[in-house]
Amino acid sequence: MQQFFQQLGDVIRHLGVVEVIDVAVVGFVLYQLLRLLRGTQGTQILVGLILLAVTGVLATQFNLILLSWLFKNATSFIIIAVIVMFQPELRRALDQLGRIGHIGRPLSSYNTRLYSQAIS
């Protein structure tokens, strides 16, 4: 236990402003992702993916050769499956990101206004 506190003290001594900003940004992004997934089926999918990741790590740690090989070779398929499974959430996130532009005005209404001005 004393070794833990000693290592924690070493980490805190070497902690700088850049590291604090880095942790804050990552925390904010993760918080926003969790807010986006709240109340959707994406939550159950995320839990399943976390369990799969833990299984993959355990397979590697316990030297389970076949299971480790399956996880390593299925990574590209899992990435594509995640994109397909989270398509509604990704679409909603990109929609919300697009609404940030032009000082709070949705880009779609801004473009619609420009289009209607060009026609008249």
PDB file of N, CA and C in Angstrom:
ATOM      1  N   MET A   1       0.832  -1.189   0.000  1.00  0.00           N
ATOM      2  CA  MET A   1       0.000   0.000   0.000  1.00  0.00           C
ATOM      3  C   MET A   1       0.874   1.250   0.000  1.00  0.00           C
ATOM      4  N   GLN A   2       1.965   1.197   0.725  1.00  0.00           N
ATOM      5  CA  GLN A   2       2.875   2.329   0.793  1.00  0.00           C
ATOM      6  C   GLN A   2       3.501   2.593  -0.582  1.00  0.00           C
ATOM      7  N   GLN A   3       3.773   1.521  -1.327  1.00  0.00           N
ATOM      8  CA  GLN A   3       4.336   1.663  -2.670  1.00  0.00           C
ATOM      9  C   GLN A   3       3.346   2.370  -3.593  1.00  0.00           C
ATOM     10  N   PHE A   4       2.069   2.063  -3.444  1.00  0.00           N
ATOM     11  CA  PHE A   4       1.032   2.718  -4.247  1.00  0.00           C
ATOM     12  C   PHE A   4       1.041   4.220  -4.014  1.00  0.00           C
ATOM     13  N   PHE A   5       1.058   4.640  -2.745  1.00  0.00           N
ATOM     14  CA  PHE A   5       1.056   6.065  -2.442  1.00  0.00           C
ATOM     15  C   PHE A   5       2.344   6.744  -2.900  1.00  0.00           C
ATOM     16  N   GLN A   6       3.445   6.012  -2.856  1.00  0.00           N
ATOM     17  CA  GLN A   6       4.708   6.566  -3.333  1.00  0.00           C
ATOM     18  C   GLN A   6       4.645   6.801  -4.848  1.00  0.00           C
ATOM     19  N   GLN A   7       4.099   5.824  -5.586  1.00  0.00           N
ATOM     20  CA  GLN A   7       3.960   5.983  -7.035  1.00  0.00           C
ATOM     21  C   GLN A   7       2.965   7.089  -7.368  1.00  0.00           C
ATOM     22  N   LEU A   8       1.891   7.188  -6.595  1.00  0.00           N
ATOM     23  CA  LEU A   8       0.908   8.246  -6.801  1.00  0.00           C
ATOM     24  C   LEU A   8       1.550   9.614  -6.588  1.00  0.00           C
ATOM     25  N   GLY A   9       2.380   9.738  -5.564  1.00  0.00           N
ATOM     26  CA  GLY A   9       3.098  10.990  -5.319  1.00  0.00           C
ATOM     27  C   GLY A   9       4.027  11.344  -6.465  1.00  0.00           C
ATOM     28  N   ASP A  10       4.711  10.335  -7.030  1.00  0.00           N
ATOM     29  CA  ASP A  10       5.592  10.573  -8.178  1.00  0.00           C
ATOM     30  C   ASP A  10       4.802  11.084  -9.383  1.00  0.00           C
ATOM     31  N   VAL A  11       3.660  10.495  -9.611  1.00  0.00           N
ATOM     32  CA  VAL A  11       2.821  10.916 -10.740  1.00  0.00           C
ATOM     33  C   VAL A  11       2.353  12.348 -10.541  1.00  0.00           C
ATOM     34  N   ILE A  12       1.922  12.681  -9.333  1.00  0.00           N
ATOM     35  CA  ILE A  12       1.418  14.026  -9.066  1.00  0.00           C
ATOM     36  C   ILE A  12       2.534  15.064  -9.218  1.00  0.00           C
ATOM     37  N   ARG A  13       3.755  14.722  -8.801  1.00  0.00           N
ATOM     38  CA  ARG A  13       4.874  15.649  -8.932  1.00  0.00           C
ATOM     39  C   ARG A  13       5.207  15.954 -10.389  1.00  0.00           C
ATOM     40  N   HIS A  14       5.025  14.982 -11.259  1.00  0.00           N
ATOM     41  CA  HIS A  14       5.352  15.160 -12.674  1.00  0.00           C
ATOM     42  C   HIS A  14       4.157  15.619 -13.505  1.00  0.00           C
ATOM     43  N   LEU A  15       3.065  15.923 -12.850  1.00  0.00           N
ATOM     44  CA  LEU A  15       1.846  16.338 -13.532  1.00  0.00           C
ATOM     45  C   LEU A  15       1.961  17.805 -13.929  1.00  0.00           C
ATOM     46  N   GLY A  16       1.696  18.082 -15.198  1.00  0.00           N
ATOM     47  CA  GLY A  16       1.777  19.452 -15.696  1.00  0.00           C
ATOM     48  C   GLY A  16       0.436  19.932 -16.215  1.00  0.00           C
ATOM     49  N   VAL A  17       0.414  21.151 -16.704  1.00  0.00           N
ATOM     50  CA  VAL A  17      -0.812  21.755 -17.224  1.00  0.00           C
ATOM     51  C   VAL A  17      -1.312  20.992 -18.449  1.00  0.00           C
ATOM     52  N   VAL A  18      -0.392  20.581 -19.298  1.00  0.00           N
ATOM     53  CA  VAL A  18      -0.780  19.874 -20.524  1.00  0.00           C
ATOM     54  C   VAL A  18      -1.490  18.564 -20.190  1.00  0.00           C
ATOM     55  N   GLU A  19      -0.994  17.836 -19.200  1.00  0.00           N
ATOM     56  CA  GLU A  19      -1.611  16.572 -18.819  1.00  0.00           C
ATOM     57  C   GLU A  19      -3.006  16.794 -18.247  1.00  0.00           C
ATOM     58  N   VAL A  20      -3.168  17.849 -17.449  1.00  0.00           N
ATOM     59  CA  VAL A  20      -4.482  18.155 -16.868  1.00  0.00           C
ATOM     60  C   VAL A  20      -5.471  18.511 -17.973  1.00  0.00           C
ATOM     61  N   ILE A  21      -5.036  19.327 -18.940  1.00  0.00           N
ATOM     62  CA  ILE A  21      -5.906  19.680 -20.065  1.00  0.00           C
ATOM     63  C   ILE A  21      -6.262  18.438 -20.869  1.00  0.00           C
ATOM     64  N   ASP A  22      -5.289  17.562 -21.081  1.00  0.00           N
ATOM     65  CA  ASP A  22      -5.516  16.327 -21.830  1.00  0.00           C
ATOM     66  C   ASP A  22      -6.586  15.472 -21.155  1.00  0.00           C
ATOM     67  N   VAL A  23      -6.463  15.288 -19.866  1.00  0.00           N
ATOM     68  CA  VAL A  23      -7.437  14.486 -19.121  1.00  0.00           C
ATOM     69  C   VAL A  23      -8.808  15.148 -19.142  1.00  0.00           C
ATOM     70  N   ALA A  24      -8.849  16.472 -19.020  1.00  0.00           N
ATOM     71  CA  ALA A  24     -10.120  17.184 -19.036  1.00  0.00           C
ATOM     72  C   ALA A  24     -10.823  17.034 -20.385  1.00  0.00           C
ATOM     73  N   VAL A  25     -10.072  17.153 -21.475  1.00  0.00           N
ATOM     74  CA  VAL A  25     -10.671  17.020 -22.814  1.00  0.00           C
ATOM     75  C   VAL A  25     -11.187  15.601 -23.026  1.00  0.00           C
ATOM     76  N   VAL A  26     -10.387  14.601 -22.659  1.00  0.00           N
ATOM     77  CA  VAL A  26     -10.827  13.210 -22.820  1.00  0.00           C
ATOM     78  C   VAL A  26     -12.060  12.941 -21.958  1.00  0.00           C
ATOM     79  N   GLY A  27     -12.057  13.442 -20.735  1.00  0.00           N
ATOM     80  CA  GLY A  27     -13.220  13.274 -19.866  1.00  0.00           C
ATOM     81  C   GLY A  27     -14.464  13.909 -20.446  1.00  0.00           C
ATOM     82  N   PHE A  28     -14.316  15.108 -21.012  1.00  0.00           N
ATOM     83  CA  PHE A  28     -15.452  15.794 -21.616  1.00  0.00           C
ATOM     84  C   PHE A  28     -16.000  15.026 -22.813  1.00  0.00           C
ATOM     85  N   VAL A  29     -15.097  14.531 -23.664  1.00  0.00           N
ATOM     86  CA  VAL A  29     -15.530  13.764 -24.846  1.00  0.00           C
ATOM     87  C   VAL A  29     -16.248  12.487 -24.412  1.00  0.00           C
ATOM     88  N   LEU A  30     -15.705  11.776 -23.446  1.00  0.00           N
ATOM     89  CA  LEU A  30     -16.361  10.550 -22.965  1.00  0.00           C
ATOM     90  C   LEU A  30     -17.722  10.862 -22.343  1.00  0.00           C
ATOM     91  N   TYR A  31     -17.808  11.955 -21.593  1.00  0.00           N
ATOM     92  CA  TYR A  31     -19.078  12.361 -20.997  1.00  0.00           C
ATOM     93  C   TYR A  31     -20.118  12.644 -22.078  1.00  0.00           C
ATOM     94  N   GLN A  32     -19.719  13.356 -23.120  1.00  0.00           N
ATOM     95  CA  GLN A  32     -20.649  13.665 -24.204  1.00  0.00           C
ATOM     96  C   GLN A  32     -21.088  12.396 -24.939  1.00  0.00           C
ATOM     97  N   LEU A  33     -20.162  11.453 -25.125  1.00  0.00           N
ATOM     98  CA  LEU A  33     -20.532  10.183 -25.762  1.00  0.00           C
ATOM     99  C   LEU A  33     -21.534   9.414 -24.911  1.00  0.00           C
ATOM    100  N   LEU A  34     -21.318   9.380 -23.615  1.00  0.00           N
ATOM    101  CA  LEU A  34     -22.257   8.687 -22.731  1.00  0.00           C
ATOM    102  C   LEU A  34     -23.611   9.383 -22.701  1.00  0.00           C
ATOM    103  N   ARG A  35     -23.615  10.727 -22.746  1.00  0.00           N
ATOM    104  CA  ARG A  35     -24.886  11.449 -22.824  1.00  0.00           C
ATOM    105  C   ARG A  35     -25.624  11.129 -24.109  1.00  0.00           C
ATOM    106  N   LEU A  36     -24.856  10.981 -25.199  1.00  0.00           N
ATOM    107  CA  LEU A  36     -25.453  10.672 -26.495  1.00  0.00           C
ATOM    108  C   LEU A  36     -26.084   9.279 -26.492  1.00  0.00           C
ATOM    109  N   LEU A  37     -25.452   8.343 -25.790  1.00  0.00           N
ATOM    110  CA  LEU A  37     -25.940   6.967 -25.775  1.00  0.00           C
ATOM    111  C   LEU A  37     -27.046   6.728 -24.751  1.00  0.00           C
ATOM    112  N   ARG A  38     -27.190   7.631 -23.793  1.00  0.00           N
ATOM    113  CA  ARG A  38     -28.170   7.431 -22.725  1.00  0.00           C
ATOM    114  C   ARG A  38     -29.582   7.285 -23.297  1.00  0.00           C
ATOM    115  N   GLY A  39     -30.267   6.251 -22.870  1.00  0.00           N
ATOM    116  CA  GLY A  39     -31.640   6.027 -23.299  1.00  0.00           C
ATOM    117  C   GLY A  39     -31.770   5.363 -24.659  1.00  0.00           C
ATOM    118  N   THR A  40     -30.689   4.871 -25.225  1.00  0.00           N
ATOM    119  CA  THR A  40     -30.761   4.205 -26.524  1.00  0.00           C
ATOM    120  C   THR A  40     -30.311   2.754 -26.374  1.00  0.00           C
ATOM    121  N   GLN A  41     -30.505   1.997 -27.433  1.00  0.00           N
ATOM    122  CA  GLN A  41     -30.018   0.622 -27.425  1.00  0.00           C
ATOM    123  C   GLN A  41     -28.504   0.571 -27.524  1.00  0.00           C
ATOM    124  N   GLY A  42     -27.908   1.692 -27.871  1.00  0.00           N
ATOM    125  CA  GLY A  42     -26.459   1.764 -27.947  1.00  0.00           C
ATOM    126  C   GLY A  42     -25.786   1.470 -26.618  1.00  0.00           C
ATOM    127  N   THR A  43     -26.500   1.721 -25.519  1.00  0.00           N
ATOM    128  CA  THR A  43     -25.945   1.446 -24.194  1.00  0.00           C
ATOM    129  C   THR A  43     -25.676  -0.041 -24.024  1.00  0.00           C
ATOM    130  N   GLN A  44     -26.649  -0.873 -24.382  1.00  0.00           N
ATOM    131  CA  GLN A  44     -26.457  -2.327 -24.272  1.00  0.00           C
ATOM    132  C   GLN A  44     -25.363  -2.801 -25.216  1.00  0.00           C
ATOM    133  N   ILE A  45     -25.299  -2.210 -26.399  1.00  0.00           N
ATOM    134  CA  ILE A  45     -24.251  -2.580 -27.359  1.00  0.00           C
ATOM    135  C   ILE A  45     -22.878  -2.208 -26.804  1.00  0.00           C
ATOM    136  N   LEU A  46     -22.800  -1.033 -26.193  1.00  0.00           N
ATOM    137  CA  LEU A  46     -21.534  -0.588 -25.611  1.00  0.00           C
ATOM    138  C   LEU A  46     -21.091  -1.530 -24.494  1.00  0.00           C
ATOM    139  N   VAL A  47     -22.007  -1.959 -23.652  1.00  0.00           N
ATOM    140  CA  VAL A  47     -21.672  -2.907 -22.587  1.00  0.00           C
ATOM    141  C   VAL A  47     -21.177  -4.215 -23.187  1.00  0.00           C
ATOM    142  N   GLY A  48     -21.828  -4.680 -24.238  1.00  0.00           N
ATOM    143  CA  GLY A  48     -21.390  -5.901 -24.912  1.00  0.00           C
ATOM    144  C   GLY A  48     -20.000  -5.768 -25.511  1.00  0.00           C
ATOM    145  N   LEU A  49     -19.726  -4.610 -26.104  1.00  0.00           N
ATOM    146  CA  LEU A  49     -18.402  -4.381 -26.680  1.00  0.00           C
ATOM    147  C   LEU A  49     -17.319  -4.323 -25.597  1.00  0.00           C
ATOM    148  N   ILE A  50     -17.659  -3.736 -24.455  1.00  0.00           N
ATOM    149  CA  ILE A  50     -16.708  -3.696 -23.345  1.00  0.00           C
ATOM    150  C   ILE A  50     -16.425  -5.106 -22.845  1.00  0.00           C
ATOM    151  N   LEU A  51     -17.464  -5.926 -22.743  1.00  0.00           N
ATOM    152  CA  LEU A  51     -17.254  -7.321 -22.331  1.00  0.00           C
ATOM    153  C   LEU A  51     -16.396  -8.080 -23.341  1.00  0.00           C
ATOM    154  N   LEU A  52     -16.612  -7.822 -24.634  1.00  0.00           N
ATOM    155  CA  LEU A  52     -15.774  -8.441 -25.659  1.00  0.00           C
ATOM    156  C   LEU A  52     -14.320  -7.996 -25.527  1.00  0.00           C
ATOM    157  N   ALA A  53     -14.111  -6.706 -25.264  1.00  0.00           N
ATOM    158  CA  ALA A  53     -12.748  -6.199 -25.104  1.00  0.00           C
ATOM    159  C   ALA A  53     -12.072  -6.823 -23.891  1.00  0.00           C
ATOM    160  N   VAL A  54     -12.810  -6.941 -22.794  1.00  0.00           N
ATOM    161  CA  VAL A  54     -12.250  -7.564 -21.590  1.00  0.00           C
ATOM    162  C   VAL A  54     -11.909  -9.024 -21.868  1.00  0.00           C
ATOM    163  N   THR A  55     -12.775  -9.710 -22.603  1.00  0.00           N
ATOM    164  CA  THR A  55     -12.509 -11.103 -22.965  1.00  0.00           C
ATOM    165  C   THR A  55     -11.250 -11.204 -23.818  1.00  0.00           C
ATOM    166  N   GLY A  56     -11.085 -10.284 -24.760  1.00  0.00           N
ATOM    167  CA  GLY A  56      -9.889 -10.283 -25.601  1.00  0.00           C
ATOM    168  C   GLY A  56      -8.625 -10.043 -24.799  1.00  0.00           C
ATOM    169  N   VAL A  57      -8.687  -9.108 -23.856  1.00  0.00           N
ATOM    170  CA  VAL A  57      -7.514  -8.827 -23.017  1.00  0.00           C
ATOM    171  C   VAL A  57      -7.192 -10.030 -22.135  1.00  0.00           C
ATOM    172  N   LEU A  58      -8.226 -10.633 -21.549  1.00  0.00           N
ATOM    173  CA  LEU A  58      -7.999 -11.812 -20.711  1.00  0.00           C
ATOM    174  C   LEU A  58      -7.442 -12.975 -21.518  1.00  0.00           C
ATOM    175  N   ALA A  59      -7.921 -13.138 -22.748  1.00  0.00           N
ATOM    176  CA  ALA A  59      -7.407 -14.204 -23.607  1.00  0.00           C
ATOM    177  C   ALA A  59      -5.929 -14.012 -23.879  1.00  0.00           C
ATOM    178  N   THR A  60      -5.523 -12.766 -24.082  1.00  0.00           N
ATOM    179  CA  THR A  60      -4.109 -12.482 -24.307  1.00  0.00           C
ATOM    180  C   THR A  60      -3.297 -12.692 -23.031  1.00  0.00           C
ATOM    181  N   GLN A  61      -3.839 -12.243 -21.899  1.00  0.00           N
ATOM    182  CA  GLN A  61      -3.124 -12.372 -20.626  1.00  0.00           C
ATOM    183  C   GLN A  61      -2.930 -13.824 -20.215  1.00  0.00           C
ATOM    184  N   PHE A  62      -3.950 -14.645 -20.451  1.00  0.00           N
ATOM    185  CA  PHE A  62      -3.869 -16.053 -20.065  1.00  0.00           C
ATOM    186  C   PHE A  62      -3.322 -16.939 -21.176  1.00  0.00           C
ATOM    187  N   ASN A  63      -2.826 -16.279 -22.234  1.00  0.00           N
ATOM    188  CA  ASN A  63      -2.168 -16.977 -23.333  1.00  0.00           C
ATOM    189  C   ASN A  63      -3.074 -18.011 -24.011  1.00  0.00           C
ATOM    190  N   LEU A  64      -4.327 -17.643 -24.203  1.00  0.00           N
ATOM    191  CA  LEU A  64      -5.272 -18.500 -24.928  1.00  0.00           C
ATOM    192  C   LEU A  64      -5.087 -18.203 -26.420  1.00  0.00           C
ATOM    193  N   ILE A  65      -4.328 -19.032 -27.070  1.00  0.00           N
ATOM    194  CA  ILE A  65      -3.833 -18.747 -28.416  1.00  0.00           C
ATOM    195  C   ILE A  65      -4.957 -18.609 -29.438  1.00  0.00           C
ATOM    196  N   LEU A  66      -5.875 -19.556 -29.479  1.00  0.00           N
ATOM    197  CA  LEU A  66      -6.940 -19.522 -30.482  1.00  0.00           C
ATOM    198  C   LEU A  66      -7.861 -18.329 -30.276  1.00  0.00           C
ATOM    199  N   LEU A  67      -8.263 -18.092 -29.049  1.00  0.00           N
ATOM    200  CA  LEU A  67      -9.152 -16.968 -28.766  1.00  0.00           C
ATOM    201  C   LEU A  67      -8.456 -15.636 -29.051  1.00  0.00           C
ATOM    202  N   SER A  68      -7.192 -15.519 -28.707  1.00  0.00           N
ATOM    203  CA  SER A  68      -6.429 -14.307 -29.009  1.00  0.00           C
ATOM    204  C   SER A  68      -6.329 -14.093 -30.515  1.00  0.00           C
ATOM    205  N   TRP A  69      -6.084 -15.164 -31.249  1.00  0.00           N
ATOM    206  CA  TRP A  69      -5.991 -15.078 -32.708  1.00  0.00           C
ATOM    207  C   TRP A  69      -7.325 -14.608 -33.296  1.00  0.00           C
ATOM    208  N   LEU A  70      -8.430 -15.141 -32.791  1.00  0.00           N
ATOM    209  CA  LEU A  70      -9.750 -14.737 -33.283  1.00  0.00           C
ATOM    210  C   LEU A  70      -9.993 -13.247 -33.045  1.00  0.00           C
ATOM    211  N   PHE A  71      -9.668 -12.775 -31.865  1.00  0.00           N
ATOM    212  CA  PHE A  71      -9.882 -11.363 -31.567  1.00  0.00           C
ATOM    213  C   PHE A  71      -8.983 -10.468 -32.415  1.00  0.00           C
ATOM    214  N   LYS A  72      -7.737 -10.859 -32.598  1.00  0.00           N
ATOM    215  CA  LYS A  72      -6.821 -10.042 -33.400  1.00  0.00           C
ATOM    216  C   LYS A  72      -7.259  -9.973 -34.854  1.00  0.00           C
ATOM    217  N   ASN A  73      -7.748 -11.081 -35.392  1.00  0.00           N
ATOM    218  CA  ASN A  73      -8.134 -11.112 -36.805  1.00  0.00           C
ATOM    219  C   ASN A  73      -9.541 -10.577 -37.051  1.00  0.00           C
ATOM    220  N   ALA A  74     -10.344 -10.464 -36.022  1.00  0.00           N
ATOM    221  CA  ALA A  74     -11.712  -9.970 -36.184  1.00  0.00           C
ATOM    222  C   ALA A  74     -11.817  -8.471 -35.926  1.00  0.00           C
ATOM    223  N   THR A  75     -10.717  -7.823 -35.608  1.00  0.00           N
ATOM    224  CA  THR A  75     -10.754  -6.407 -35.242  1.00  0.00           C
ATOM    225  C   THR A  75     -11.349  -5.540 -36.347  1.00  0.00           C
ATOM    226  N   SER A  76     -10.941  -5.743 -37.590  1.00  0.00           N
ATOM    227  CA  SER A  76     -11.472  -4.908 -38.672  1.00  0.00           C
ATOM    228  C   SER A  76     -12.967  -5.134 -38.867  1.00  0.00           C
ATOM    229  N   PHE A  77     -13.429  -6.369 -38.711  1.00  0.00           N
ATOM    230  CA  PHE A  77     -14.857  -6.645 -38.839  1.00  0.00           C
ATOM    231  C   PHE A  77     -15.640  -6.032 -37.683  1.00  0.00           C
ATOM    232  N   ILE A  78     -15.045  -6.042 -36.501  1.00  0.00           N
ATOM    233  CA  ILE A  78     -15.709  -5.464 -35.330  1.00  0.00           C
ATOM    234  C   ILE A  78     -15.856  -3.956 -35.511  1.00  0.00           C
ATOM    235  N   ILE A  79     -14.854  -3.304 -36.081  1.00  0.00           N
ATOM    236  CA  ILE A  79     -14.927  -1.858 -36.307  1.00  0.00           C
ATOM    237  C   ILE A  79     -16.068  -1.535 -37.269  1.00  0.00           C
ATOM    238  N   ILE A  80     -16.182  -2.300 -38.342  1.00  0.00           N
ATOM    239  CA  ILE A  80     -17.278  -2.086 -39.295  1.00  0.00           C
ATOM    240  C   ILE A  80     -18.625  -2.365 -38.637  1.00  0.00           C
ATOM    241  N   ALA A  81     -18.702  -3.416 -37.835  1.00  0.00           N
ATOM    242  CA  ALA A  81     -19.947  -3.743 -37.135  1.00  0.00           C
ATOM    243  C   ALA A  81     -20.341  -2.642 -36.158  1.00  0.00           C
ATOM    244  N   VAL A  82     -19.370  -2.049 -35.485  1.00  0.00           N
ATOM    245  CA  VAL A  82     -19.654  -0.960 -34.543  1.00  0.00           C
ATOM    246  C   VAL A  82     -20.233   0.234 -35.292  1.00  0.00           C
ATOM    247  N   ILE A  83     -19.662   0.552 -36.440  1.00  0.00           N
ATOM    248  CA  ILE A  83     -20.185   1.672 -37.235  1.00  0.00           C
ATOM    249  C   ILE A  83     -21.619   1.404 -37.658  1.00  0.00           C
ATOM    250  N   VAL A  84     -21.902   0.190 -38.074  1.00  0.00           N
ATOM    251  CA  VAL A  84     -23.262  -0.157 -38.501  1.00  0.00           C
ATOM    252  C   VAL A  84     -24.223  -0.141 -37.308  1.00  0.00           C
ATOM    253  N   MET A  85     -23.796  -0.710 -36.182  1.00  0.00           N
ATOM    254  CA  MET A  85     -24.678  -0.784 -35.011  1.00  0.00           C
ATOM    255  C   MET A  85     -24.945   0.591 -34.405  1.00  0.00           C
ATOM    256  N   PHE A  86     -23.957   1.462 -34.422  1.00  0.00           N
ATOM    257  CA  PHE A  86     -24.121   2.781 -33.831  1.00  0.00           C
ATOM    258  C   PHE A  86     -24.511   3.838 -34.860  1.00  0.00           C
ATOM    259  N   GLN A  87     -24.995   3.445 -36.004  1.00  0.00           N
ATOM    260  CA  GLN A  87     -25.336   4.388 -37.061  1.00  0.00           C
ATOM    261  C   GLN A  87     -26.325   5.458 -36.606  1.00  0.00           C
ATOM    262  N   PRO A  88     -27.405   5.108 -35.898  1.00  0.00           N
ATOM    263  CA  PRO A  88     -28.322   6.175 -35.464  1.00  0.00           C
ATOM    264  C   PRO A  88     -27.652   7.172 -34.510  1.00  0.00           C
ATOM    265  N   GLU A  89     -26.854   6.662 -33.590  1.00  0.00           N
ATOM    266  CA  GLU A  89     -26.186   7.542 -32.635  1.00  0.00           C
ATOM    267  C   GLU A  89     -25.132   8.406 -33.329  1.00  0.00           C
ATOM    268  N   LEU A  90     -24.398   7.814 -34.276  1.00  0.00           N
ATOM    269  CA  LEU A  90     -23.402   8.583 -35.022  1.00  0.00           C
ATOM    270  C   LEU A  90     -24.071   9.678 -35.852  1.00  0.00           C
ATOM    271  N   ARG A  91     -25.188   9.350 -36.441  1.00  0.00           N
ATOM    272  CA  ARG A  91     -25.920  10.336 -37.237  1.00  0.00           C
ATOM    273  C   ARG A  91     -26.393  11.489 -36.354  1.00  0.00           C
ATOM    274  N   ARG A  92     -26.914  11.152 -35.178  1.00  0.00           N
ATOM    275  CA  ARG A  92     -27.386  12.186 -34.249  1.00  0.00           C
ATOM    276  C   ARG A  92     -26.219  13.050 -33.769  1.00  0.00           C
ATOM    277  N   ALA A  93     -25.063  12.428 -33.493  1.00  0.00           N
ATOM    278  CA  ALA A  93     -23.894  13.177 -33.028  1.00  0.00           C
ATOM    279  C   ALA A  93     -23.414  14.138 -34.113  1.00  0.00           C
ATOM    280  N   LEU A  94     -23.352  13.668 -35.360  1.00  0.00           N
ATOM    281  CA  LEU A  94     -22.920  14.541 -36.454  1.00  0.00           C
ATOM    282  C   LEU A  94     -23.927  15.662 -36.691  1.00  0.00           C
ATOM    283  N   ASP A  95     -25.206  15.370 -36.507  1.00  0.00           N
ATOM    284  CA  ASP A  95     -26.231  16.388 -36.648  1.00  0.00           C
ATOM    285  C   ASP A  95     -26.052  17.475 -35.587  1.00  0.00           C
ATOM    286  N   GLN A  96     -25.808  17.055 -34.337  1.00  0.00           N
ATOM    287  CA  GLN A  96     -25.602  18.022 -33.265  1.00  0.00           C
ATOM    288  C   GLN A  96     -24.315  18.813 -33.481  1.00  0.00           C
ATOM    289  N   LEU A  97     -23.290  18.163 -33.987  1.00  0.00           N
ATOM    290  CA  LEU A  97     -22.036  18.842 -34.260  1.00  0.00           C
ATOM    291  C   LEU A  97     -22.216  19.890 -35.354  1.00  0.00           C
ATOM    292  N   GLY A  98     -23.025  19.572 -36.349  1.00  0.00           N
ATOM    293  CA  GLY A  98     -23.292  20.516 -37.425  1.00  0.00           C
ATOM    294  C   GLY A  98     -24.096  21.723 -36.981  1.00  0.00           C
ATOM    295  N   ARG A  99     -24.847  21.584 -35.915  1.00  0.00           N
ATOM    296  CA  ARG A  99     -25.658  22.691 -35.402  1.00  0.00           C
ATOM    297  C   ARG A  99     -24.828  23.698 -34.612  1.00  0.00           C
ATOM    298  N   ILE A 100     -23.598  23.380 -34.320  1.00  0.00           N
ATOM    299  CA  ILE A 100     -22.750  24.289 -33.561  1.00  0.00           C
ATOM    300  C   ILE A 100     -22.299  25.462 -34.422  1.00  0.00           C
ATOM    301  N   GLY A 101     -22.210  25.253 -35.718  1.00  0.00           N
ATOM    302  CA  GLY A 101     -21.692  26.280 -36.621  1.00  0.00           C
ATOM    303  C   GLY A 101     -22.525  27.546 -36.649  1.00  0.00           C
ATOM    304  N   HIS A 102     -21.910  28.628 -37.072  1.00  0.00           N
ATOM    305  CA  HIS A 102     -22.543  29.933 -37.259  1.00  0.00           C
ATOM    306  C   HIS A 102     -23.215  30.436 -35.985  1.00  0.00           C
ATOM    307  N   ILE A 103     -22.495  30.375 -34.896  1.00  0.00           N
ATOM    308  CA  ILE A 103     -22.896  30.941 -33.612  1.00  0.00           C
ATOM    309  C   ILE A 103     -24.285  30.465 -33.195  1.00  0.00           C
ATOM    310  N   GLY A 104     -24.436  29.173 -33.140  1.00  0.00           N
ATOM    311  CA  GLY A 104     -25.658  28.598 -32.602  1.00  0.00           C
ATOM    312  C   GLY A 104     -26.769  28.393 -33.604  1.00  0.00           C
ATOM    313  N   ARG A 105     -26.679  29.016 -34.765  1.00  0.00           N
ATOM    314  CA  ARG A 105     -27.721  28.815 -35.771  1.00  0.00           C
ATOM    315  C   ARG A 105     -27.479  27.493 -36.486  1.00  0.00           C
ATOM    316  N   PRO A 106     -28.504  26.714 -36.665  1.00  0.00           N
ATOM    317  CA  PRO A 106     -28.314  25.483 -37.432  1.00  0.00           C
ATOM    318  C   PRO A 106     -27.860  25.789 -38.851  1.00  0.00           C
ATOM    319  N   LEU A 107     -26.927  25.006 -39.327  1.00  0.00           N
ATOM    320  CA  LEU A 107     -26.413  25.216 -40.684  1.00  0.00           C
ATOM    321  C   LEU A 107     -27.509  25.034 -41.723  1.00  0.00           C
ATOM    322  N   SER A 108     -28.439  24.098 -41.461  1.00  0.00           N
ATOM    323  CA  SER A 108     -29.475  23.836 -42.458  1.00  0.00           C
ATOM    324  C   SER A 108     -30.373  25.048 -42.642  1.00  0.00           C
ATOM    325  N   SER A 109     -30.757  25.746 -41.578  1.00  0.00           N
ATOM    326  CA  SER A 109     -31.604  26.927 -41.745  1.00  0.00           C
ATOM    327  C   SER A 109     -30.817  28.062 -42.389  1.00  0.00           C
ATOM    328  N   TYR A 110     -29.531  28.152 -42.080  1.00  0.00           N
ATOM    329  CA  TYR A 110     -28.670  29.165 -42.695  1.00  0.00           C
ATOM    330  C   TYR A 110     -28.596  28.929 -44.196  1.00  0.00           C
ATOM    331  N   ASN A 111     -28.372  27.674 -44.604  1.00  0.00           N
ATOM    332  CA  ASN A 111     -28.302  27.342 -46.030  1.00  0.00           C
ATOM    333  C   ASN A 111     -29.644  27.550 -46.702  1.00  0.00           C
ATOM    334  N   THR A 112     -30.738  27.253 -46.014  1.00  0.00           N
ATOM    335  CA  THR A 112     -32.062  27.444 -46.582  1.00  0.00           C
ATOM    336  C   THR A 112     -32.312  28.922 -46.837  1.00  0.00           C
ATOM    337  N   ARG A 113     -31.905  29.764 -45.882  1.00  0.00           N
ATOM    338  CA  ARG A 113     -32.086  31.205 -46.034  1.00  0.00           C
ATOM    339  C   ARG A 113     -31.262  31.718 -47.219  1.00  0.00           C
ATOM    340  N   LEU A 114     -30.034  31.266 -47.358  1.00  0.00           N
ATOM    341  CA  LEU A 114     -29.204  31.684 -48.488  1.00  0.00           C
ATOM    342  C   LEU A 114     -29.821  31.243 -49.811  1.00  0.00           C
ATOM    343  N   TYR A 115     -30.358  30.020 -49.836  1.00  0.00           N
ATOM    344  CA  TYR A 115     -30.968  29.501 -51.046  1.00  0.00           C
ATOM    345  C   TYR A 115     -32.200  30.303 -51.417  1.00  0.00           C
ATOM    346  N   SER A 116     -33.037  30.655 -50.419  1.00  0.00           N
ATOM    347  CA  SER A 116     -34.250  31.406 -50.721  1.00  0.00           C
ATOM    348  C   SER A 116     -33.908  32.826 -51.169  1.00  0.00           C
ATOM    349  N   GLN A 117     -32.816  33.422 -50.630  1.00  0.00           N
ATOM    350  CA  GLN A 117     -32.393  34.738 -51.076  1.00  0.00           C
ATOM    351  C   GLN A 117     -31.867  34.697 -52.506  1.00  0.00           C
ATOM    352  N   ALA A 118     -31.187  33.623 -52.876  1.00  0.00           N
ATOM    353  CA  ALA A 118     -30.632  33.499 -54.210  1.00  0.00           C
ATOM    354  C   ALA A 118     -31.736  33.338 -55.249  1.00  0.00           C
ATOM    355  N   ILE A 119     -32.824  32.678 -54.883  1.00  0.00           N
ATOM    356  CA  ILE A 119     -33.924  32.444 -55.827  1.00  0.00           C
ATOM    357  C   ILE A 119     -34.707  33.741 -56.074  1.00  0.00           C
ATOM    358  N   SER A 120     -34.930  34.542 -55.022  1.00  0.00           N
ATOM    359  CA  SER A 120     -35.754  35.743 -55.183  1.00  0.00           C
ATOM    360  C   SER A 120     -34.988  36.937 -55.671  1.00  0.00           C
TER     361      SER A 120
END
